[in-house]
PDB file of N, CA and C in Angstrom:
ATOM      1  N   MET A   1     192.522  43.586  20.509  1.00  0.00           N
ATOM      2  CA  MET A   1     193.614  42.947  20.815  1.00  0.00           C
ATOM      3  C   MET A   1     194.819  43.656  20.855  1.00  0.00           C
ATOM      4  N   ALA A   2     195.547  43.864  22.015  1.00  0.00           N
ATOM      5  CA  ALA A   2     196.574  44.666  22.006  1.00  0.00           C
ATOM      6  C   ALA A   2     197.723  43.766  21.808  1.00  0.00           C
ATOM      7  N   SER A   3     198.848  44.488  21.363  1.00  0.00           N
ATOM      8  CA  SER A   3     200.126  43.663  21.232  1.00  0.00           C
ATOM      9  C   SER A   3     201.218  44.329  21.762  1.00  0.00           C
ATOM     10  N   SER A   4     202.376  43.599  22.196  1.00  0.00           N
ATOM     11  CA  SER A   4     203.620  44.266  22.813  1.00  0.00           C
ATOM     12  C   SER A   4     204.652  44.478  21.841  1.00  0.00           C
ATOM     13  N   LEU A   5     204.364  43.864  20.787  1.00  0.00           N
ATOM     14  CA  LEU A   5     205.219  44.080  19.460  1.00  0.00           C
ATOM     15  C   LEU A   5     205.122  45.342  18.766  1.00  0.00           C
ATOM     16  N   THR A   6     206.197  45.783  17.930  1.00  0.00           N
ATOM     17  CA  THR A   6     206.411  46.989  17.098  1.00  0.00           C
ATOM     18  C   THR A   6     206.181  46.058  15.520  1.00  0.00           C
ATOM     19  N   CYS A   7     205.920  47.053  14.849  1.00  0.00           N
ATOM     20  CA  CYS A   7     205.773  46.425  13.407  1.00  0.00           C
ATOM     21  C   CYS A   7     206.967  45.382  13.051  1.00  0.00           C
ATOM     22  N   THR A   8     207.913  45.864  13.329  1.00  0.00           N
ATOM     23  CA  THR A   8     209.342  45.091  13.230  1.00  0.00           C
ATOM     24  C   THR A   8     209.282  43.695  13.864  1.00  0.00           C
ATOM     25  N   GLY A   9     208.698  43.789  15.382  1.00  0.00           N
ATOM     26  CA  GLY A   9     208.597  42.652  16.140  1.00  0.00           C
ATOM     27  C   GLY A   9     207.512  41.657  15.604  1.00  0.00           C
ATOM     28  N   VAL A  10     206.490  42.112  14.725  1.00  0.00           N
ATOM     29  CA  VAL A  10     205.265  41.265  14.094  1.00  0.00           C
ATOM     30  C   VAL A  10     206.119  40.536  12.987  1.00  0.00           C
ATOM     31  N   ILE A  11     206.729  41.352  12.385  1.00  0.00           N
ATOM     32  CA  ILE A  11     207.428  40.716  11.140  1.00  0.00           C
ATOM     33  C   ILE A  11     208.254  39.614  11.710  1.00  0.00           C
ATOM     34  N   TRP A  12     209.040  39.608  12.637  1.00  0.00           N
ATOM     35  CA  TRP A  12     209.967  39.016  13.318  1.00  0.00           C
ATOM     36  C   TRP A  12     209.331  37.636  13.734  1.00  0.00           C
ATOM     37  N   ALA A  13     208.044  38.050  14.196  1.00  0.00           N
ATOM     38  CA  ALA A  13     207.336  36.863  15.005  1.00  0.00           C
ATOM     39  C   ALA A  13     206.936  36.079  13.586  1.00  0.00           C
ATOM     40  N   PHE A  14     206.438  36.460  12.777  1.00  0.00           N
ATOM     41  CA  PHE A  14     205.731  35.671  11.781  1.00  0.00           C
ATOM     42  C   PHE A  14     207.027  34.962  10.650  1.00  0.00           C
ATOM     43  N   LEU A  15     208.253  35.538  10.628  1.00  0.00           N
ATOM     44  CA  LEU A  15     209.259  34.970  10.151  1.00  0.00           C
ATOM     45  C   LEU A  15     209.873  33.985  10.882  1.00  0.00           C
ATOM     46  N   SER A  16     209.844  34.145  12.112  1.00  0.00           N
ATOM     47  CA  SER A  16     210.536  33.020  13.182  1.00  0.00           C
ATOM     48  C   SER A  16     209.375  31.893  13.238  1.00  0.00           C
ATOM     49  N   PHE A  17     208.154  32.116  13.015  1.00  0.00           N
ATOM     50  CA  PHE A  17     207.292  31.064  12.868  1.00  0.00           C
ATOM     51  C   PHE A  17     207.599  30.114  11.562  1.00  0.00           C
ATOM     52  N   LEU A  18     207.752  30.806  10.540  1.00  0.00           N
ATOM     53  CA  LEU A  18     207.893  30.123   9.220  1.00  0.00           C
ATOM     54  C   LEU A  18     209.501  29.351   9.128  1.00  0.00           C
ATOM     55  N   CYS A  19     210.362  30.114   9.568  1.00  0.00           N
ATOM     56  CA  CYS A  19     211.556  29.329   9.896  1.00  0.00           C
ATOM     57  C   CYS A  19     211.617  28.113  10.692  1.00  0.00           C
ATOM     58  N   ALA A  20     210.852  28.347  12.007  1.00  0.00           N
ATOM     59  CA  ALA A  20     210.680  27.195  12.811  1.00  0.00           C
ATOM     60  C   ALA A  20     209.874  26.138  12.059  1.00  0.00           C
ATOM     61  N   ALA A  21     208.963  26.240  11.282  1.00  0.00           N
ATOM     62  CA  ALA A  21     208.063  25.311  10.864  1.00  0.00           C
ATOM     63  C   ALA A  21     208.941  24.642   9.630  1.00  0.00           C
ATOM     64  N   ALA A  22     209.757  25.417   8.915  1.00  0.00           N
ATOM     65  CA  ALA A  22     210.289  24.685   7.794  1.00  0.00           C
ATOM     66  C   ALA A  22     211.518  23.776   8.498  1.00  0.00           C
ATOM     67  N   SER A  23     211.939  24.306   9.569  1.00  0.00           N
ATOM     68  CA  SER A  23     213.138  23.706  10.260  1.00  0.00           C
ATOM     69  C   SER A  23     212.500  22.149  10.914  1.00  0.00           C
ATOM     70  N   CYS A  24     211.360  22.318  11.369  1.00  0.00           N
ATOM     71  CA  CYS A  24     210.644  21.017  11.884  1.00  0.00           C
ATOM     72  C   CYS A  24     210.415  20.071  10.780  1.00  0.00           C
ATOM     73  N   VAL A  25     209.788  20.724   9.722  1.00  0.00           N
ATOM     74  CA  VAL A  25     209.609  19.745   8.738  1.00  0.00           C
ATOM     75  C   VAL A  25     210.630  18.962   7.844  1.00  0.00           C
ATOM     76  N   GLY A  26     211.684  19.847   7.855  1.00  0.00           N
ATOM     77  CA  GLY A  26     213.064  19.241   7.398  1.00  0.00           C
ATOM     78  C   GLY A  26     213.554  18.153   8.236  1.00  0.00           C
ATOM     79  N   PHE A  27     213.359  18.261   9.660  1.00  0.00           N
ATOM     80  CA  PHE A  27     213.912  17.546  10.721  1.00  0.00           C
ATOM     81  C   PHE A  27     213.277  16.152  10.537  1.00  0.00           C
ATOM     82  N   PHE A  28     211.937  16.214  10.310  1.00  0.00           N
ATOM     83  CA  PHE A  28     211.006  15.001  10.279  1.00  0.00           C
ATOM     84  C   PHE A  28     211.039  14.075   9.003  1.00  0.00           C
ATOM     85  N   MET A  29     211.291  14.856   8.053  1.00  0.00           N
ATOM     86  CA  MET A  29     211.286  14.381   6.515  1.00  0.00           C
ATOM     87  C   MET A  29     212.658  13.442   6.115  1.00  0.00           C
ATOM     88  N   PRO A  30     212.596  12.218   5.671  1.00  0.00           N
ATOM     89  CA  PRO A  30     213.442  11.226   5.614  1.00  0.00           C
ATOM     90  C   PRO A  30     214.326  11.740   4.142  1.00  0.00           C
ATOM     91  N   TYR A  31     214.307  12.917   3.799  1.00  0.00           N
ATOM     92  CA  TYR A  31     214.918  13.075   2.236  1.00  0.00           C
ATOM     93  C   TYR A  31     216.192  13.921   2.517  1.00  0.00           C
ATOM     94  N   TRP A  32     216.762  13.684   3.514  1.00  0.00           N
ATOM     95  CA  TRP A  32     218.222  14.454   3.705  1.00  0.00           C
ATOM     96  C   TRP A  32     219.234  14.011   2.631  1.00  0.00           C
ATOM     97  N   LEU A  33     219.283  12.763   2.590  1.00  0.00           N
ATOM     98  CA  LEU A  33     220.445  11.923   1.610  1.00  0.00           C
ATOM     99  C   LEU A  33     219.702  11.156   0.606  1.00  0.00           C
ATOM    100  N   LEU A  34     219.721  11.279  -0.543  1.00  0.00           N
ATOM    101  CA  LEU A  34     219.228  10.508  -1.723  1.00  0.00           C
ATOM    102  C   LEU A  34     220.210   9.749  -2.182  1.00  0.00           C
ATOM    103  N   GLY A  35     219.782   8.461  -2.716  1.00  0.00           N
ATOM    104  CA  GLY A  35     220.747   7.438  -3.517  1.00  0.00           C
ATOM    105  C   GLY A  35     219.886   6.437  -4.089  1.00  0.00           C
ATOM    106  N   SER A  36     220.671   5.289  -4.260  1.00  0.00           N
ATOM    107  CA  SER A  36     220.421   3.905  -4.693  1.00  0.00           C
ATOM    108  C   SER A  36     221.094   2.817  -4.318  1.00  0.00           C
ATOM    109  N   GLN A  37     220.568   1.634  -3.738  1.00  0.00           N
ATOM    110  CA  GLN A  37     221.146   0.558  -3.286  1.00  0.00           C
ATOM    111  C   GLN A  37     220.033  -0.513  -3.572  1.00  0.00           C
ATOM    112  N   LEU A  38     220.901  -1.591  -4.259  1.00  0.00           N
ATOM    113  CA  LEU A  38     220.366  -2.898  -4.846  1.00  0.00           C
ATOM    114  C   LEU A  38     219.279  -2.388  -5.788  1.00  0.00           C
ATOM    115  N   GLU A  39     219.743  -1.622  -6.757  1.00  0.00           N
ATOM    116  CA  GLU A  39     218.728  -1.020  -7.513  1.00  0.00           C
ATOM    117  C   GLU A  39     217.373  -0.485  -7.308  1.00  0.00           C
ATOM    118  N   LYS A  40     217.309   0.101  -6.041  1.00  0.00           N
ATOM    119  CA  LYS A  40     216.067   0.679  -5.501  1.00  0.00           C
ATOM    120  C   LYS A  40     216.777   2.134  -4.977  1.00  0.00           C
ATOM    121  N   SER A  41     215.881   3.073  -5.271  1.00  0.00           N
ATOM    122  CA  SER A  41     216.043   4.414  -4.839  1.00  0.00           C
ATOM    123  C   SER A  41     215.822   4.475  -3.126  1.00  0.00           C
ATOM    124  N   VAL A  42     216.987   4.900  -2.411  1.00  0.00           N
ATOM    125  CA  VAL A  42     216.869   4.923  -1.020  1.00  0.00           C
ATOM    126  C   VAL A  42     216.866   6.576  -0.625  1.00  0.00           C
ATOM    127  N   SER A  43     216.325   6.753   0.730  1.00  0.00           N
ATOM    128  CA  SER A  43     216.659   8.239   1.182  1.00  0.00           C
ATOM    129  C   SER A  43     216.579   8.092   2.699  1.00  0.00           C
ATOM    130  N   PHE A  44     217.299   8.939   3.545  1.00  0.00           N
ATOM    131  CA  PHE A  44     216.992   8.815   4.955  1.00  0.00           C
ATOM    132  C   PHE A  44     217.548  10.275   5.554  1.00  0.00           C
ATOM    133  N   GLY A  45     216.978  10.474   6.658  1.00  0.00           N
ATOM    134  CA  GLY A  45     217.122  11.656   7.392  1.00  0.00           C
ATOM    135  C   GLY A  45     217.913  11.186   8.672  1.00  0.00           C
ATOM    136  N   THR A  46     217.642  12.098   9.745  1.00  0.00           N
ATOM    137  CA  THR A  46     218.311  11.827  10.940  1.00  0.00           C
ATOM    138  C   THR A  46     217.713  10.483  11.699  1.00  0.00           C
ATOM    139  N   PHE A  47     216.266  10.559  11.944  1.00  0.00           N
ATOM    140  CA  PHE A  47     215.747   9.269  12.414  1.00  0.00           C
ATOM    141  C   PHE A  47     214.772   8.601  11.734  1.00  0.00           C
ATOM    142  N   ARG A  48     214.702   8.837  10.408  1.00  0.00           N
ATOM    143  CA  ARG A  48     213.702   8.130   9.472  1.00  0.00           C
ATOM    144  C   ARG A  48     214.220   7.763   8.210  1.00  0.00           C
ATOM    145  N   ARG A  49     213.955   6.830   7.527  1.00  0.00           N
ATOM    146  CA  ARG A  49     214.674   6.153   6.283  1.00  0.00           C
ATOM    147  C   ARG A  49     213.403   5.587   5.346  1.00  0.00           C
ATOM    148  N   CYS A  50     213.715   5.529   4.045  1.00  0.00           N
ATOM    149  CA  CYS A  50     212.679   5.077   3.265  1.00  0.00           C
ATOM    150  C   CYS A  50     213.585   4.077   2.261  1.00  0.00           C
ATOM    151  N   SER A  51     213.164   2.959   2.176  1.00  0.00           N
ATOM    152  CA  SER A  51     213.516   1.918   1.370  1.00  0.00           C
ATOM    153  C   SER A  51     214.850   1.489   1.541  1.00  0.00           C
ATOM    154  N   TYR A  52     214.899   0.622   2.746  1.00  0.00           N
ATOM    155  CA  TYR A  52     216.145   0.335   3.342  1.00  0.00           C
ATOM    156  C   TYR A  52     216.588  -1.125   3.384  1.00  0.00           C
ATOM    157  N   PRO A  53     217.812  -1.495   3.544  1.00  0.00           N
ATOM    158  CA  PRO A  53     218.107  -2.947   3.230  1.00  0.00           C
ATOM    159  C   PRO A  53     218.140  -3.666   4.682  1.00  0.00           C
ATOM    160  N   VAL A  54     217.673  -4.888   4.847  1.00  0.00           N
ATOM    161  CA  VAL A  54     217.505  -5.648   6.056  1.00  0.00           C
ATOM    162  C   VAL A  54     218.006  -7.262   5.622  1.00  0.00           C
ATOM    163  N   ARG A  55     218.705  -7.554   6.476  1.00  0.00           N
ATOM    164  CA  ARG A  55     219.275  -9.142   6.269  1.00  0.00           C
ATOM    165  C   ARG A  55     217.973  -9.923   6.671  1.00  0.00           C
ATOM    166  N   ASP A  56     218.120 -10.889   5.746  1.00  0.00           N
ATOM    167  CA  ASP A  56     216.937 -11.988   5.723  1.00  0.00           C
ATOM    168  C   ASP A  56     217.634 -13.186   6.103  1.00  0.00           C
ATOM    169  N   GLU A  57     217.645 -13.587   7.349  1.00  0.00           N
ATOM    170  CA  GLU A  57     218.387 -14.643   8.023  1.00  0.00           C
ATOM    171  C   GLU A  57     217.908 -15.960   7.406  1.00  0.00           C
ATOM    172  N   SER A  58     216.547 -16.246   7.215  1.00  0.00           N
ATOM    173  CA  SER A  58     216.153 -17.374   6.740  1.00  0.00           C
ATOM    174  C   SER A  58     216.614 -17.792   5.242  1.00  0.00           C
ATOM    175  N   ARG A  59     216.704 -16.748   4.498  1.00  0.00           N
ATOM    176  CA  ARG A  59     217.299 -17.112   3.226  1.00  0.00           C
ATOM    177  C   ARG A  59     218.783 -16.613   2.872  1.00  0.00           C
ATOM    178  N   GLN A  60     219.345 -16.143   3.703  1.00  0.00           N
ATOM    179  CA  GLN A  60     220.650 -15.549   3.968  1.00  0.00           C
ATOM    180  C   GLN A  60     220.861 -14.481   2.728  1.00  0.00           C
ATOM    181  N   THR A  61     219.923 -13.785   2.422  1.00  0.00           N
ATOM    182  CA  THR A  61     219.971 -12.703   1.477  1.00  0.00           C
ATOM    183  C   THR A  61     219.716 -11.173   2.020  1.00  0.00           C
ATOM    184  N   THR A  62     219.846 -10.266   1.668  1.00  0.00           N
ATOM    185  CA  THR A  62     219.722  -8.948   1.751  1.00  0.00           C
ATOM    186  C   THR A  62     218.502  -8.530   0.977  1.00  0.00           C
ATOM    187  N   VAL A  63     217.485  -8.006   1.470  1.00  0.00           N
ATOM    188  CA  VAL A  63     216.173  -7.629   0.815  1.00  0.00           C
ATOM    189  C   VAL A  63     216.082  -5.941   1.241  1.00  0.00           C
ATOM    190  N   MET A  64     215.349  -5.432   0.235  1.00  0.00           N
ATOM    191  CA  MET A  64     214.925  -3.832   0.513  1.00  0.00           C
ATOM    192  C   MET A  64     213.482  -4.133   0.961  1.00  0.00           C
ATOM    193  N   VAL A  65     213.424  -3.170   2.180  1.00  0.00           N
ATOM    194  CA  VAL A  65     211.973  -3.027   2.782  1.00  0.00           C
ATOM    195  C   VAL A  65     211.545  -1.514   1.827  1.00  0.00           C
ATOM    196  N   GLU A  66     210.621  -1.517   1.206  1.00  0.00           N
ATOM    197  CA  GLU A  66     210.200  -0.477   0.411  1.00  0.00           C
ATOM    198  C   GLU A  66     209.309   0.311   1.144  1.00  0.00           C
ATOM    199  N   GLN A  67     209.330   0.784   2.189  1.00  0.00           N
ATOM    200  CA  GLN A  67     208.423   1.578   2.852  1.00  0.00           C
ATOM    201  C   GLN A  67     209.391   2.582   3.927  1.00  0.00           C
ATOM    202  N   CYS A  68     208.752   3.650   4.453  1.00  0.00           N
ATOM    203  CA  CYS A  68     209.144   4.699   5.315  1.00  0.00           C
ATOM    204  C   CYS A  68     209.040   4.390   6.571  1.00  0.00           C
ATOM    205  N   GLY A  69     209.975   4.599   7.572  1.00  0.00           N
ATOM    206  CA  GLY A  69     209.755   4.429   8.858  1.00  0.00           C
ATOM    207  C   GLY A  69     210.861   4.916   9.785  1.00  0.00           C
ATOM    208  N   ARG A  70     210.713   4.919  11.035  1.00  0.00           N
ATOM    209  CA  ARG A  70     211.572   5.392  11.956  1.00  0.00           C
ATOM    210  C   ARG A  70     212.580   4.283  12.312  1.00  0.00           C
ATOM    211  N   TYR A  71     213.795   4.438  12.724  1.00  0.00           N
ATOM    212  CA  TYR A  71     214.732   3.394  13.171  1.00  0.00           C
ATOM    213  C   TYR A  71     214.058   2.648  14.301  1.00  0.00           C
ATOM    214  N   ALA A  72     214.354   1.601  14.365  1.00  0.00           N
ATOM    215  CA  ALA A  72     213.609   0.947  15.798  1.00  0.00           C
ATOM    216  C   ALA A  72     213.948   1.499  17.055  1.00  0.00           C
ATOM    217  N   SER A  73     215.277   1.688  17.318  1.00  0.00           N
ATOM    218  CA  SER A  73     215.667   2.406  18.458  1.00  0.00           C
ATOM    219  C   SER A  73     216.287   3.565  18.130  1.00  0.00           C
ATOM    220  N   PHE A  74     216.886   4.252  19.359  1.00  0.00           N
ATOM    221  CA  PHE A  74     217.760   5.138  19.338  1.00  0.00           C
ATOM    222  C   PHE A  74     219.437   4.785  18.808  1.00  0.00           C
ATOM    223  N   GLN A  75     219.526   3.533  19.343  1.00  0.00           N
ATOM    224  CA  GLN A  75     220.863   2.794  19.237  1.00  0.00           C
ATOM    225  C   GLN A  75     220.947   2.124  17.748  1.00  0.00           C
ATOM    226  N   ALA A  76     219.798   2.165  17.120  1.00  0.00           N
ATOM    227  CA  ALA A  76     219.831   1.601  15.628  1.00  0.00           C
ATOM    228  C   ALA A  76     220.321   2.624  14.446  1.00  0.00           C
ATOM    229  N   ILE A  77     220.248   3.972  15.028  1.00  0.00           N
ATOM    230  CA  ILE A  77     220.751   4.922  14.243  1.00  0.00           C
ATOM    231  C   ILE A  77     222.164   4.551  13.755  1.00  0.00           C
ATOM    232  N   PRO A  78     222.792   4.837  12.449  1.00  0.00           N
ATOM    233  CA  PRO A  78     223.935   3.962  12.200  1.00  0.00           C
ATOM    234  C   PRO A  78     225.167   4.372  12.844  1.00  0.00           C
ATOM    235  N   SER A  79     225.434   5.740  13.355  1.00  0.00           N
ATOM    236  CA  SER A  79     226.543   5.894  14.015  1.00  0.00           C
ATOM    237  C   SER A  79     226.298   7.109  15.098  1.00  0.00           C
ATOM    238  N   ALA A  80     227.394   7.013  15.967  1.00  0.00           N
ATOM    239  CA  ALA A  80     227.301   8.041  17.151  1.00  0.00           C
ATOM    240  C   ALA A  80     227.204   9.557  16.609  1.00  0.00           C
ATOM    241  N   GLU A  81     227.633   9.926  15.512  1.00  0.00           N
ATOM    242  CA  GLU A  81     227.838  11.305  15.003  1.00  0.00           C
ATOM    243  C   GLU A  81     226.527  11.441  14.521  1.00  0.00           C
ATOM    244  N   TRP A  82     225.634  10.432  13.709  1.00  0.00           N
ATOM    245  CA  TRP A  82     224.535  10.467  13.484  1.00  0.00           C
ATOM    246  C   TRP A  82     223.323  10.823  14.633  1.00  0.00           C
ATOM    247  N   ARG A  83     223.663  10.148  15.414  1.00  0.00           N
ATOM    248  CA  ARG A  83     222.781  10.345  16.881  1.00  0.00           C
ATOM    249  C   ARG A  83     222.932  11.465  17.519  1.00  0.00           C
ATOM    250  N   ILE A  84     224.324  12.060  17.459  1.00  0.00           N
ATOM    251  CA  ILE A  84     224.315  13.417  18.148  1.00  0.00           C
ATOM    252  C   ILE A  84     223.889  14.597  17.021  1.00  0.00           C
ATOM    253  N   CYS A  85     223.856  14.265  15.862  1.00  0.00           N
ATOM    254  CA  CYS A  85     223.063  15.192  14.925  1.00  0.00           C
ATOM    255  C   CYS A  85     221.684  15.026  15.252  1.00  0.00           C
ATOM    256  N   THR A  86     220.860  14.127  15.163  1.00  0.00           N
ATOM    257  CA  THR A  86     219.714  13.945  15.737  1.00  0.00           C
ATOM    258  C   THR A  86     219.070  14.599  16.905  1.00  0.00           C
ATOM    259  N   VAL A  87     220.004  14.711  17.954  1.00  0.00           N
ATOM    260  CA  VAL A  87     219.847  15.065  19.092  1.00  0.00           C
ATOM    261  C   VAL A  87     219.827  16.628  19.221  1.00  0.00           C
ATOM    262  N   VAL A  88     220.898  16.830  18.453  1.00  0.00           N
ATOM    263  CA  VAL A  88     221.329  18.646  18.374  1.00  0.00           C
ATOM    264  C   VAL A  88     220.110  19.258  17.412  1.00  0.00           C
ATOM    265  N   THR A  89     219.970  18.507  16.436  1.00  0.00           N
ATOM    266  CA  THR A  89     219.068  19.105  15.370  1.00  0.00           C
ATOM    267  C   THR A  89     217.445  19.170  16.063  1.00  0.00           C
ATOM    268  N   GLY A  90     217.037  18.333  16.672  1.00  0.00           N
ATOM    269  CA  GLY A  90     215.893  18.087  17.339  1.00  0.00           C
ATOM    270  C   GLY A  90     215.726  19.149  18.637  1.00  0.00           C
ATOM    271  N   LEU A  91     216.861  19.331  19.151  1.00  0.00           N
ATOM    272  CA  LEU A  91     216.791  20.543  20.299  1.00  0.00           C
ATOM    273  C   LEU A  91     216.680  21.907  19.622  1.00  0.00           C
ATOM    274  N   GLY A  92     217.453  22.002  18.709  1.00  0.00           N
ATOM    275  CA  GLY A  92     217.406  23.331  17.862  1.00  0.00           C
ATOM    276  C   GLY A  92     216.044  23.629  17.370  1.00  0.00           C
ATOM    277  N   CYS A  93     215.651  22.584  16.783  1.00  0.00           N
ATOM    278  CA  CYS A  93     213.802  22.751  16.223  1.00  0.00           C
ATOM    279  C   CYS A  93     213.022  23.159  17.244  1.00  0.00           C
ATOM    280  N   GLY A  94     213.483  22.345  18.482  1.00  0.00           N
ATOM    281  CA  GLY A  94     212.310  22.643  19.723  1.00  0.00           C
ATOM    282  C   GLY A  94     212.567  24.103  20.267  1.00  0.00           C
ATOM    283  N   LEU A  95     213.984  24.577  20.113  1.00  0.00           N
ATOM    284  CA  LEU A  95     214.256  25.938  20.674  1.00  0.00           C
ATOM    285  C   LEU A  95     213.459  27.063  19.804  1.00  0.00           C
ATOM    286  N   LEU A  96     213.608  27.041  18.415  1.00  0.00           N
ATOM    287  CA  LEU A  96     213.143  27.700  17.564  1.00  0.00           C
ATOM    288  C   LEU A  96     211.511  27.709  17.482  1.00  0.00           C
ATOM    289  N   LEU A  97     211.095  26.546  17.633  1.00  0.00           N
ATOM    290  CA  LEU A  97     209.312  26.553  17.792  1.00  0.00           C
ATOM    291  C   LEU A  97     208.880  27.307  18.998  1.00  0.00           C
ATOM    292  N   LEU A  98     209.764  27.027  20.178  1.00  0.00           N
ATOM    293  CA  LEU A  98     209.219  27.551  21.419  1.00  0.00           C
ATOM    294  C   LEU A  98     209.516  29.126  21.354  1.00  0.00           C
ATOM    295  N   VAL A  99     210.493  29.686  20.525  1.00  0.00           N
ATOM    296  CA  VAL A  99     210.506  31.141  20.495  1.00  0.00           C
ATOM    297  C   VAL A  99     209.530  31.780  19.728  1.00  0.00           C
ATOM    298  N   ALA A 100     209.330  30.891  18.543  1.00  0.00           N
ATOM    299  CA  ALA A 100     208.224  31.474  17.553  1.00  0.00           C
ATOM    300  C   ALA A 100     206.965  31.424  18.340  1.00  0.00           C
ATOM    301  N   LEU A 101     206.627  30.326  18.817  1.00  0.00           N
ATOM    302  CA  LEU A 101     205.320  30.651  19.402  1.00  0.00           C
ATOM    303  C   LEU A 101     204.946  31.321  20.511  1.00  0.00           C
ATOM    304  N   THR A 102     206.392  31.580  21.235  1.00  0.00           N
ATOM    305  CA  THR A 102     206.157  33.112  22.169  1.00  0.00           C
ATOM    306  C   THR A 102     206.049  34.095  21.513  1.00  0.00           C
ATOM    307  N   ALA A 103     206.747  34.551  20.353  1.00  0.00           N
ATOM    308  CA  ALA A 103     206.639  35.612  19.634  1.00  0.00           C
ATOM    309  C   ALA A 103     205.081  35.666  19.047  1.00  0.00           C
ATOM    310  N   LEU A 104     204.550  34.898  18.436  1.00  0.00           N
ATOM    311  CA  LEU A 104     203.191  34.649  18.022  1.00  0.00           C
ATOM    312  C   LEU A 104     202.434  35.313  19.156  1.00  0.00           C
ATOM    313  N   MET A 105     202.346  34.727  20.382  1.00  0.00           N
ATOM    314  CA  MET A 105     201.642  35.063  21.537  1.00  0.00           C
ATOM    315  C   MET A 105     201.763  36.535  21.685  1.00  0.00           C
ATOM    316  N   GLY A 106     203.103  37.029  21.695  1.00  0.00           N
ATOM    317  CA  GLY A 106     203.420  38.424  21.858  1.00  0.00           C
ATOM    318  C   GLY A 106     202.553  39.189  20.814  1.00  0.00           C
ATOM    319  N   CYS A 107     202.083  38.749  19.609  1.00  0.00           N
ATOM    320  CA  CYS A 107     201.162  39.555  18.542  1.00  0.00           C
ATOM    321  C   CYS A 107     199.990  39.878  19.323  1.00  0.00           C
ATOM    322  N   CYS A 108     199.440  38.774  20.174  1.00  0.00           N
ATOM    323  CA  CYS A 108     197.930  38.916  20.975  1.00  0.00           C
ATOM    324  C   CYS A 108     197.885  39.362  22.153  1.00  0.00           C
ATOM    325  N   VAL A 109     199.101  39.413  22.886  1.00  0.00           N
ATOM    326  CA  VAL A 109     198.766  39.768  24.464  1.00  0.00           C
ATOM    327  C   VAL A 109     199.959  41.050  24.574  1.00  0.00           C
ATOM    328  N   SER A 110     199.097  41.757  25.373  1.00  0.00           N
ATOM    329  CA  SER A 110     199.815  43.047  25.631  1.00  0.00           C
ATOM    330  C   SER A 110     200.879  42.981  26.830  1.00  0.00           C
ATOM    331  N   GLU A 111     201.991  43.494  26.907  1.00  0.00           N
ATOM    332  CA  GLU A 111     202.934  43.436  27.573  1.00  0.00           C
ATOM    333  C   GLU A 111     203.776  41.991  27.696  1.00  0.00           C
ATOM    334  N   LEU A 112     203.375  41.355  26.891  1.00  0.00           N
ATOM    335  CA  LEU A 112     204.236  39.847  26.982  1.00  0.00           C
ATOM    336  C   LEU A 112     205.784  39.865  26.767  1.00  0.00           C
ATOM    337  N   ILE A 113     205.826  40.696  25.644  1.00  0.00           N
ATOM    338  CA  ILE A 113     207.450  40.794  25.279  1.00  0.00           C
ATOM    339  C   ILE A 113     208.096  42.214  25.452  1.00  0.00           C
ATOM    340  N   SER A 114     208.837  42.120  26.215  1.00  0.00           N
ATOM    341  CA  SER A 114     209.823  43.622  26.325  1.00  0.00           C
ATOM    342  C   SER A 114     210.848  43.577  25.684  1.00  0.00           C
ATOM    343  N   ARG A 115     211.818  44.532  25.861  1.00  0.00           N
ATOM    344  CA  ARG A 115     212.817  44.597  25.061  1.00  0.00           C
ATOM    345  C   ARG A 115     213.765  43.559  25.655  1.00  0.00           C
ATOM    346  N   THR A 116     213.982  43.404  27.047  1.00  0.00           N
ATOM    347  CA  THR A 116     214.606  42.199  27.363  1.00  0.00           C
ATOM    348  C   THR A 116     214.192  41.004  26.821  1.00  0.00           C
ATOM    349  N   VAL A 117     213.101  40.663  27.170  1.00  0.00           N
ATOM    350  CA  VAL A 117     212.714  39.362  26.663  1.00  0.00           C
ATOM    351  C   VAL A 117     212.825  39.112  25.153  1.00  0.00           C
ATOM    352  N   GLY A 118     212.803  39.987  24.227  1.00  0.00           N
ATOM    353  CA  GLY A 118     213.097  39.969  22.851  1.00  0.00           C
ATOM    354  C   GLY A 118     214.597  39.744  22.720  1.00  0.00           C
ATOM    355  N   ARG A 119     215.231  40.497  23.411  1.00  0.00           N
ATOM    356  CA  ARG A 119     216.892  40.222  23.167  1.00  0.00           C
ATOM    357  C   ARG A 119     217.187  38.747  23.765  1.00  0.00           C
ATOM    358  N   VAL A 120     216.771  38.200  24.565  1.00  0.00           N
ATOM    359  CA  VAL A 120     216.732  36.805  25.160  1.00  0.00           C
ATOM    360  C   VAL A 120     216.205  35.956  24.006  1.00  0.00           C
ATOM    361  N   ALA A 121     215.170  36.263  23.447  1.00  0.00           N
ATOM    362  CA  ALA A 121     214.669  35.281  22.594  1.00  0.00           C
ATOM    363  C   ALA A 121     215.354  35.355  21.256  1.00  0.00           C
ATOM    364  N   GLY A 122     215.994  36.362  20.905  1.00  0.00           N
ATOM    365  CA  GLY A 122     217.081  36.369  19.805  1.00  0.00           C
ATOM    366  C   GLY A 122     217.896  35.578  20.142  1.00  0.00           C
ATOM    367  N   GLY A 123     218.586  35.762  21.229  1.00  0.00           N
ATOM    368  CA  GLY A 123     219.804  34.690  21.612  1.00  0.00           C
ATOM    369  C   GLY A 123     219.451  33.329  21.679  1.00  0.00           C
ATOM    370  N   ILE A 124     218.383  32.887  22.195  1.00  0.00           N
ATOM    371  CA  ILE A 124     217.611  31.585  22.060  1.00  0.00           C
ATOM    372  C   ILE A 124     217.597  31.188  20.498  1.00  0.00           C
ATOM    373  N   GLN A 125     217.204  32.040  19.798  1.00  0.00           N
ATOM    374  CA  GLN A 125     217.172  31.656  18.441  1.00  0.00           C
ATOM    375  C   GLN A 125     218.408  31.496  17.744  1.00  0.00           C
ATOM    376  N   PHE A 126     219.171  32.329  18.222  1.00  0.00           N
ATOM    377  CA  PHE A 126     220.707  32.051  17.451  1.00  0.00           C
ATOM    378  C   PHE A 126     221.245  30.930  17.883  1.00  0.00           C
ATOM    379  N   LEU A 127     221.089  30.303  19.251  1.00  0.00           N
ATOM    380  CA  LEU A 127     221.493  29.188  19.838  1.00  0.00           C
ATOM    381  C   LEU A 127     220.839  28.016  19.262  1.00  0.00           C
ATOM    382  N   GLY A 128     219.245  28.164  18.981  1.00  0.00           N
ATOM    383  CA  GLY A 128     218.543  27.191  18.251  1.00  0.00           C
ATOM    384  C   GLY A 128     219.105  27.068  16.608  1.00  0.00           C
ATOM    385  N   GLY A 129     219.514  28.016  16.085  1.00  0.00           N
ATOM    386  CA  GLY A 129     220.024  28.101  14.792  1.00  0.00           C
ATOM    387  C   GLY A 129     221.141  27.155  14.636  1.00  0.00           C
TER     388      GLY A 129
END
């Protein structure tokens, strides 16, 4: 199995994959902000939340839903800034994952990554970060 990467390139590929995996896990987990509301612990991330309040119209009260889940729709995300954060963070994670998987393929496929491709991939990683 031939590689188009030097020893430094192989280390870059594996560190890129670890960074992309950590970024994606952090993006998908709902533990960005932790707190309490109505004497229950709550947490939420960009598009997931745990233990969130909902209005019970039949009893005219607010009750806590003690489960984790996504927002019902993109518009249900609390603010425009939070929606922008969701999109930008998701795109960044996607770019990091794309570069990391390409770099890992470069460990196995000969002549896949040249000096120019490596520089472009580094630029994409910078943009993704």
